[in-house]
Amino acid sequence: MPKRILTGTVTSDQNEQTITVSVERRFKHPVLHKIVRKSKKYRAHDAENKFKVGDTVRIEECAPISKTKRWTVVIDASA
């Protein structure tokens, strides 16, 4: 089964080797028929501590690294 890859913005980098990434998705509401924006935060493993708040990154599913981390940073999406 392929691993999911999401694109989002770094919202926190205060923890060692961990960043918080906010991923926004847009969909059409089934009744109101308008575009709705929903966001969700994921904690991702950043081994080199090179990503800062505001960076756009791609994260990929992985085996659990800690209690809350199940994602790892693939690459900087803006590069």
PDB file of N, CA and C in Angstrom:
ATOM      1  N   MET A   1       0.844  -1.187   0.000  1.00  0.00           N
ATOM      2  CA  MET A   1       0.000   0.000   0.000  1.00  0.00           C
ATOM      3  C   MET A   1       0.890   1.252   0.000  1.00  0.00           C
ATOM      4  N   PRO A   2       0.621   2.204  -0.906  1.00  0.00           N
ATOM      5  CA  PRO A   2       1.475   3.391  -0.978  1.00  0.00           C
ATOM      6  C   PRO A   2       1.315   4.285   0.245  1.00  0.00           C
ATOM      7  N   LYS A   3       2.402   4.973   0.560  1.00  0.00           N
ATOM      8  CA  LYS A   3       2.374   5.889   1.691  1.00  0.00           C
ATOM      9  C   LYS A   3       1.782   7.215   1.243  1.00  0.00           C
ATOM     10  N   ARG A   4       0.995   7.833   2.146  1.00  0.00           N
ATOM     11  CA  ARG A   4       0.403   9.123   1.829  1.00  0.00           C
ATOM     12  C   ARG A   4       1.462  10.217   1.909  1.00  0.00           C
ATOM     13  N   ILE A   5       1.378  11.169   1.018  1.00  0.00           N
ATOM     14  CA  ILE A   5       2.255  12.339   1.038  1.00  0.00           C
ATOM     15  C   ILE A   5       1.362  13.575   1.061  1.00  0.00           C
ATOM     16  N   LEU A   6       1.587  14.450   2.042  1.00  0.00           N
ATOM     17  CA  LEU A   6       0.799  15.664   2.201  1.00  0.00           C
ATOM     18  C   LEU A   6       1.712  16.880   2.122  1.00  0.00           C
ATOM     19  N   THR A   7       1.146  18.004   1.715  1.00  0.00           N
ATOM     20  CA  THR A   7       1.889  19.259   1.651  1.00  0.00           C
ATOM     21  C   THR A   7       1.262  20.232   2.633  1.00  0.00           C
ATOM     22  N   GLY A   8       2.111  20.885   3.430  1.00  0.00           N
ATOM     23  CA  GLY A   8       1.597  21.825   4.411  1.00  0.00           C
ATOM     24  C   GLY A   8       2.630  22.858   4.810  1.00  0.00           C
ATOM     25  N   THR A   9       2.254  23.686   5.778  1.00  0.00           N
ATOM     26  CA  THR A   9       3.101  24.773   6.252  1.00  0.00           C
ATOM     27  C   THR A   9       3.549  24.483   7.677  1.00  0.00           C
ATOM     28  N   VAL A  10       4.813  24.726   7.961  1.00  0.00           N
ATOM     29  CA  VAL A  10       5.349  24.513   9.311  1.00  0.00           C
ATOM     30  C   VAL A  10       4.788  25.593  10.227  1.00  0.00           C
ATOM     31  N   THR A  11       4.165  25.169  11.348  1.00  0.00           N
ATOM     32  CA  THR A  11       3.605  26.116  12.303  1.00  0.00           C
ATOM     33  C   THR A  11       4.405  26.167  13.591  1.00  0.00           C
ATOM     34  N   SER A  12       5.247  25.165  13.857  1.00  0.00           N
ATOM     35  CA  SER A  12       6.061  25.164  15.065  1.00  0.00           C
ATOM     36  C   SER A  12       7.314  24.336  14.827  1.00  0.00           C
ATOM     37  N   ASP A  13       8.441  24.827  15.366  1.00  0.00           N
ATOM     38  CA  ASP A  13       9.704  24.090  15.262  1.00  0.00           C
ATOM     39  C   ASP A  13      10.449  24.112  16.587  1.00  0.00           C
ATOM     40  N   GLN A  14       9.730  24.256  17.700  1.00  0.00           N
ATOM     41  CA  GLN A  14      10.354  24.437  19.006  1.00  0.00           C
ATOM     42  C   GLN A  14      10.929  23.146  19.586  1.00  0.00           C
ATOM     43  N   ASN A  15      10.420  22.008  19.179  1.00  0.00           N
ATOM     44  CA  ASN A  15      10.916  20.744  19.710  1.00  0.00           C
ATOM     45  C   ASN A  15      12.116  20.246  18.906  1.00  0.00           C
ATOM     46  N   GLU A  16      12.965  19.487  19.558  1.00  0.00           N
ATOM     47  CA  GLU A  16      14.159  18.933  18.922  1.00  0.00           C
ATOM     48  C   GLU A  16      13.754  17.833  17.939  1.00  0.00           C
ATOM     49  N   GLN A  17      14.164  17.948  16.687  1.00  0.00           N
ATOM     50  CA  GLN A  17      13.908  16.976  15.617  1.00  0.00           C
ATOM     51  C   GLN A  17      12.423  16.767  15.334  1.00  0.00           C
ATOM     52  N   THR A  18      11.583  17.745  15.675  1.00  0.00           N
ATOM     53  CA  THR A  18      10.150  17.632  15.421  1.00  0.00           C
ATOM     54  C   THR A  18       9.611  18.966  14.931  1.00  0.00           C
ATOM     55  N   ILE A  19       8.763  18.913  13.912  1.00  0.00           N
ATOM     56  CA  ILE A  19       8.045  20.104  13.480  1.00  0.00           C
ATOM     57  C   ILE A  19       6.554  19.794  13.458  1.00  0.00           C
ATOM     58  N   THR A  20       5.750  20.830  13.618  1.00  0.00           N
ATOM     59  CA  THR A  20       4.308  20.705  13.498  1.00  0.00           C
ATOM     60  C   THR A  20       3.908  21.303  12.161  1.00  0.00           C
ATOM     61  N   VAL A  21       3.182  20.523  11.369  1.00  0.00           N
ATOM     62  CA  VAL A  21       2.806  20.936  10.019  1.00  0.00           C
ATOM     63  C   VAL A  21       1.294  21.033   9.931  1.00  0.00           C
ATOM     64  N   SER A  22       0.805  22.175   9.470  1.00  0.00           N
ATOM     65  CA  SER A  22      -0.623  22.378   9.280  1.00  0.00           C
ATOM     66  C   SER A  22      -0.956  22.095   7.820  1.00  0.00           C
ATOM     67  N   VAL A  23      -1.839  21.121   7.589  1.00  0.00           N
ATOM     68  CA  VAL A  23      -2.234  20.726   6.238  1.00  0.00           C
ATOM     69  C   VAL A  23      -3.683  21.140   6.031  1.00  0.00           C
ATOM     70  N   GLU A  24      -3.918  21.911   4.969  1.00  0.00           N
ATOM     71  CA  GLU A  24      -5.263  22.398   4.678  1.00  0.00           C
ATOM     72  C   GLU A  24      -5.849  21.629   3.506  1.00  0.00           C
ATOM     73  N   ARG A  25      -7.122  21.256   3.637  1.00  0.00           N
ATOM     74  CA  ARG A  25      -7.796  20.601   2.520  1.00  0.00           C
ATOM     75  C   ARG A  25      -9.068  21.372   2.210  1.00  0.00           C
ATOM     76  N   ARG A  26      -9.457  21.362   0.961  1.00  0.00           N
ATOM     77  CA  ARG A  26     -10.666  22.060   0.520  1.00  0.00           C
ATOM     78  C   ARG A  26     -11.600  21.051  -0.112  1.00  0.00           C
ATOM     79  N   PHE A  27     -12.888  21.200   0.191  1.00  0.00           N
ATOM     80  CA  PHE A  27     -13.878  20.302  -0.386  1.00  0.00           C
ATOM     81  C   PHE A  27     -15.200  21.033  -0.509  1.00  0.00           C
ATOM     82  N   LYS A  28     -16.079  20.497  -1.321  1.00  0.00           N
ATOM     83  CA  LYS A  28     -17.385  21.097  -1.515  1.00  0.00           C
ATOM     84  C   LYS A  28     -18.360  20.529  -0.486  1.00  0.00           C
ATOM     85  N   HIS A  29     -19.049  21.418   0.229  1.00  0.00           N
ATOM     86  CA  HIS A  29     -20.008  20.981   1.250  1.00  0.00           C
ATOM     87  C   HIS A  29     -21.173  20.276   0.553  1.00  0.00           C
ATOM     88  N   PRO A  30     -21.582  19.116   1.068  1.00  0.00           N
ATOM     89  CA  PRO A  30     -22.605  18.333   0.367  1.00  0.00           C
ATOM     90  C   PRO A  30     -23.986  19.000   0.305  1.00  0.00           C
ATOM     91  N   VAL A  31     -24.323  19.832   1.290  1.00  0.00           N
ATOM     92  CA  VAL A  31     -25.642  20.464   1.308  1.00  0.00           C
ATOM     93  C   VAL A  31     -25.569  21.921   0.843  1.00  0.00           C
ATOM     94  N   LEU A  32     -24.614  22.670   1.365  1.00  0.00           N
ATOM     95  CA  LEU A  32     -24.525  24.091   1.055  1.00  0.00           C
ATOM     96  C   LEU A  32     -23.868  24.378  -0.289  1.00  0.00           C
ATOM     97  N   HIS A  33     -23.153  23.400  -0.847  1.00  0.00           N
ATOM     98  CA  HIS A  33     -22.486  23.520  -2.153  1.00  0.00           C
ATOM     99  C   HIS A  33     -21.504  24.686  -2.203  1.00  0.00           C
ATOM    100  N   LYS A  34     -20.813  24.923  -1.110  1.00  0.00           N
ATOM    101  CA  LYS A  34     -19.771  25.946  -1.114  1.00  0.00           C
ATOM    102  C   LYS A  34     -18.453  25.296  -0.739  1.00  0.00           C
ATOM    103  N   ILE A  35     -17.369  25.925  -1.082  1.00  0.00           N
ATOM    104  CA  ILE A  35     -16.047  25.384  -0.790  1.00  0.00           C
ATOM    105  C   ILE A  35     -15.720  25.636   0.679  1.00  0.00           C
ATOM    106  N   VAL A  36     -15.380  24.565   1.390  1.00  0.00           N
ATOM    107  CA  VAL A  36     -15.060  24.638   2.811  1.00  0.00           C
ATOM    108  C   VAL A  36     -13.584  24.314   2.985  1.00  0.00           C
ATOM    109  N   ARG A  37     -12.899  25.086   3.864  1.00  0.00           N
ATOM    110  CA  ARG A  37     -11.491  24.829   4.170  1.00  0.00           C
ATOM    111  C   ARG A  37     -11.385  24.205   5.549  1.00  0.00           C
ATOM    112  N   LYS A  38     -10.695  23.087   5.639  1.00  0.00           N
ATOM    113  CA  LYS A  38     -10.426  22.445   6.921  1.00  0.00           C
ATOM    114  C   LYS A  38      -8.936  22.223   7.029  1.00  0.00           C
ATOM    115  N   SER A  39      -8.414  22.384   8.247  1.00  0.00           N
ATOM    116  CA  SER A  39      -6.986  22.145   8.428  1.00  0.00           C
ATOM    117  C   SER A  39      -6.779  21.177   9.582  1.00  0.00           C
ATOM    118  N   LYS A  40      -5.653  20.485   9.521  1.00  0.00           N
ATOM    119  CA  LYS A  40      -5.295  19.525  10.550  1.00  0.00           C
ATOM    120  C   LYS A  40      -3.790  19.618  10.763  1.00  0.00           C
ATOM    121  N   LYS A  41      -3.368  19.449  12.009  1.00  0.00           N
ATOM    122  CA  LYS A  41      -1.950  19.533  12.330  1.00  0.00           C
ATOM    123  C   LYS A  41      -1.355  18.135  12.476  1.00  0.00           C
ATOM    124  N   TYR A  42      -0.182  17.953  11.917  1.00  0.00           N
ATOM    125  CA  TYR A  42       0.559  16.704  12.023  1.00  0.00           C
ATOM    126  C   TYR A  42       1.930  17.012  12.604  1.00  0.00           C
ATOM    127  N   ARG A  43       2.447  16.113  13.430  1.00  0.00           N
ATOM    128  CA  ARG A  43       3.800  16.247  13.956  1.00  0.00           C
ATOM    129  C   ARG A  43       4.696  15.354  13.118  1.00  0.00           C
ATOM    130  N   ALA A  44       5.776  15.944  12.580  1.00  0.00           N
ATOM    131  CA  ALA A  44       6.645  15.231  11.647  1.00  0.00           C
ATOM    132  C   ALA A  44       8.083  15.252  12.137  1.00  0.00           C
ATOM    133  N   HIS A  45       8.831  14.211  11.763  1.00  0.00           N
ATOM    134  CA  HIS A  45      10.227  14.062  12.168  1.00  0.00           C
ATOM    135  C   HIS A  45      11.119  14.860  11.218  1.00  0.00           C
ATOM    136  N   ASP A  46      11.897  15.773  11.792  1.00  0.00           N
ATOM    137  CA  ASP A  46      12.856  16.585  11.045  1.00  0.00           C
ATOM    138  C   ASP A  46      14.223  16.342  11.665  1.00  0.00           C
ATOM    139  N   ALA A  47      14.958  15.353  11.169  1.00  0.00           N
ATOM    140  CA  ALA A  47      16.196  14.895  11.799  1.00  0.00           C
ATOM    141  C   ALA A  47      17.267  15.977  11.870  1.00  0.00           C
ATOM    142  N   GLU A  48      17.318  16.864  10.867  1.00  0.00           N
ATOM    143  CA  GLU A  48      18.393  17.852  10.807  1.00  0.00           C
ATOM    144  C   GLU A  48      18.008  19.209  11.379  1.00  0.00           C
ATOM    145  N   ASN A  49      16.786  19.375  11.850  1.00  0.00           N
ATOM    146  CA  ASN A  49      16.289  20.653  12.389  1.00  0.00           C
ATOM    147  C   ASN A  49      16.485  21.804  11.401  1.00  0.00           C
ATOM    148  N   LYS A  50      16.234  21.549  10.109  1.00  0.00           N
ATOM    149  CA  LYS A  50      16.513  22.590   9.127  1.00  0.00           C
ATOM    150  C   LYS A  50      15.274  23.372   8.695  1.00  0.00           C
ATOM    151  N   PHE A  51      14.082  22.944   9.075  1.00  0.00           N
ATOM    152  CA  PHE A  51      12.866  23.646   8.672  1.00  0.00           C
ATOM    153  C   PHE A  51      12.408  24.601   9.764  1.00  0.00           C
ATOM    154  N   LYS A  52      11.982  25.793   9.342  1.00  0.00           N
ATOM    155  CA  LYS A  52      11.565  26.838  10.269  1.00  0.00           C
ATOM    156  C   LYS A  52      10.099  27.178  10.028  1.00  0.00           C
ATOM    157  N   VAL A  53       9.517  27.953  10.953  1.00  0.00           N
ATOM    158  CA  VAL A  53       8.111  28.352  10.858  1.00  0.00           C
ATOM    159  C   VAL A  53       7.887  29.110   9.551  1.00  0.00           C
ATOM    160  N   GLY A  54       6.824  28.737   8.836  1.00  0.00           N
ATOM    161  CA  GLY A  54       6.480  29.382   7.577  1.00  0.00           C
ATOM    162  C   GLY A  54       6.933  28.632   6.346  1.00  0.00           C
ATOM    163  N   ASP A  55       7.840  27.664   6.502  1.00  0.00           N
ATOM    164  CA  ASP A  55       8.305  26.876   5.360  1.00  0.00           C
ATOM    165  C   ASP A  55       7.189  25.957   4.864  1.00  0.00           C
ATOM    166  N   THR A  56       7.161  25.724   3.555  1.00  0.00           N
ATOM    167  CA  THR A  56       6.241  24.766   2.964  1.00  0.00           C
ATOM    168  C   THR A  56       6.993  23.454   2.787  1.00  0.00           C
ATOM    169  N   VAL A  57       6.447  22.371   3.350  1.00  0.00           N
ATOM    170  CA  VAL A  57       7.128  21.078   3.310  1.00  0.00           C
ATOM    171  C   VAL A  57       6.168  19.986   2.859  1.00  0.00           C
ATOM    172  N   ARG A  58       6.754  18.874   2.426  1.00  0.00           N
ATOM    173  CA  ARG A  58       5.981  17.668   2.100  1.00  0.00           C
ATOM    174  C   ARG A  58       6.307  16.630   3.168  1.00  0.00           C
ATOM    175  N   ILE A  59       5.284  15.985   3.709  1.00  0.00           N
ATOM    176  CA  ILE A  59       5.490  14.963   4.728  1.00  0.00           C
ATOM    177  C   ILE A  59       4.929  13.642   4.229  1.00  0.00           C
ATOM    178  N   GLU A  60       5.549  12.554   4.708  1.00  0.00           N
ATOM    179  CA  GLU A  60       5.182  11.208   4.262  1.00  0.00           C
ATOM    180  C   GLU A  60       4.915  10.330   5.476  1.00  0.00           C
ATOM    181  N   GLU A  61       3.926   9.468   5.357  1.00  0.00           N
ATOM    182  CA  GLU A  61       3.618   8.509   6.414  1.00  0.00           C
ATOM    183  C   GLU A  61       4.813   7.607   6.682  1.00  0.00           C
ATOM    184  N   CYS A  62       4.977   7.207   7.946  1.00  0.00           N
ATOM    185  CA  CYS A  62       6.044   6.273   8.279  1.00  0.00           C
ATOM    186  C   CYS A  62       5.617   5.483   9.518  1.00  0.00           C
ATOM    187  N   ALA A  63       6.454   4.559   9.915  1.00  0.00           N
ATOM    188  CA  ALA A  63       6.196   3.803  11.137  1.00  0.00           C
ATOM    189  C   ALA A  63       6.266   4.756  12.332  1.00  0.00           C
ATOM    190  N   PRO A  64       5.567   4.461  13.425  1.00  0.00           N
ATOM    191  CA  PRO A  64       5.588   5.360  14.585  1.00  0.00           C
ATOM    192  C   PRO A  64       7.008   5.600  15.102  1.00  0.00           C
ATOM    193  N   ILE A  65       7.348   6.885  15.256  1.00  0.00           N
ATOM    194  CA  ILE A  65       8.652   7.274  15.771  1.00  0.00           C
ATOM    195  C   ILE A  65       8.553   7.556  17.267  1.00  0.00           C
ATOM    196  N   SER A  66       7.432   8.136  17.696  1.00  0.00           N
ATOM    197  CA  SER A  66       7.188   8.406  19.110  1.00  0.00           C
ATOM    198  C   SER A  66       5.680   8.321  19.345  1.00  0.00           C
ATOM    199  N   LYS A  67       5.235   8.799  20.491  1.00  0.00           N
ATOM    200  CA  LYS A  67       3.813   8.718  20.825  1.00  0.00           C
ATOM    201  C   LYS A  67       2.943   9.467  19.810  1.00  0.00           C
ATOM    202  N   THR A  68       3.424  10.606  19.328  1.00  0.00           N
ATOM    203  CA  THR A  68       2.609  11.433  18.435  1.00  0.00           C
ATOM    204  C   THR A  68       3.140  11.517  17.009  1.00  0.00           C
ATOM    205  N   LYS A  69       4.365  11.104  16.758  1.00  0.00           N
ATOM    206  CA  LYS A  69       4.959  11.267  15.420  1.00  0.00           C
ATOM    207  C   LYS A  69       4.776  10.017  14.567  1.00  0.00           C
ATOM    208  N   ARG A  70       4.050  10.188  13.454  1.00  0.00           N
ATOM    209  CA  ARG A  70       3.864   9.111  12.475  1.00  0.00           C
ATOM    210  C   ARG A  70       4.181   9.597  11.071  1.00  0.00           C
ATOM    211  N   TRP A  71       4.814  10.759  10.954  1.00  0.00           N
ATOM    212  CA  TRP A  71       5.143  11.359   9.667  1.00  0.00           C
ATOM    213  C   TRP A  71       6.603  11.777   9.668  1.00  0.00           C
ATOM    214  N   THR A  72       7.203  11.820   8.488  1.00  0.00           N
ATOM    215  CA  THR A  72       8.573  12.281   8.335  1.00  0.00           C
ATOM    216  C   THR A  72       8.626  13.269   7.174  1.00  0.00           C
ATOM    217  N   VAL A  73       9.525  14.236   7.256  1.00  0.00           N
ATOM    218  CA  VAL A  73       9.648  15.256   6.210  1.00  0.00           C
ATOM    219  C   VAL A  73      10.345  14.627   5.005  1.00  0.00           C
ATOM    220  N   VAL A  74       9.752  14.813   3.823  1.00  0.00           N
ATOM    221  CA  VAL A  74      10.343  14.270   2.606  1.00  0.00           C
ATOM    222  C   VAL A  74      11.304  15.285   2.012  1.00  0.00           C
ATOM    223  N   ILE A  75      10.815  16.487   1.714  1.00  0.00           N
ATOM    224  CA  ILE A  75      11.642  17.504   1.056  1.00  0.00           C
ATOM    225  C   ILE A  75      10.924  18.837   1.196  1.00  0.00           C
ATOM    226  N   ASP A  76      11.669  19.898   1.024  1.00  0.00           N
ATOM    227  CA  ASP A  76      11.114  21.236   1.025  1.00  0.00           C
ATOM    228  C   ASP A  76      10.290  21.392  -0.256  1.00  0.00           C
ATOM    229  N   ALA A  77       9.005  21.701  -0.148  1.00  0.00           N
ATOM    230  CA  ALA A  77       8.129  21.766  -1.312  1.00  0.00           C
ATOM    231  C   ALA A  77       8.418  22.957  -2.211  1.00  0.00           C
ATOM    232  N   SER A  78       8.995  24.020  -1.658  1.00  0.00           N
ATOM    233  CA  SER A  78       9.274  25.195  -2.477  1.00  0.00           C
ATOM    234  C   SER A  78      10.536  25.036  -3.313  1.00  0.00           C
ATOM    235  N   ALA A  79      11.361  24.046  -2.990  1.00  0.00           N
ATOM    236  CA  ALA A  79      12.611  23.852  -3.737  1.00  0.00           C
ATOM    237  C   ALA A  79      12.389  23.013  -4.981  1.00  0.00           C
TER     238      ALA A  79
END
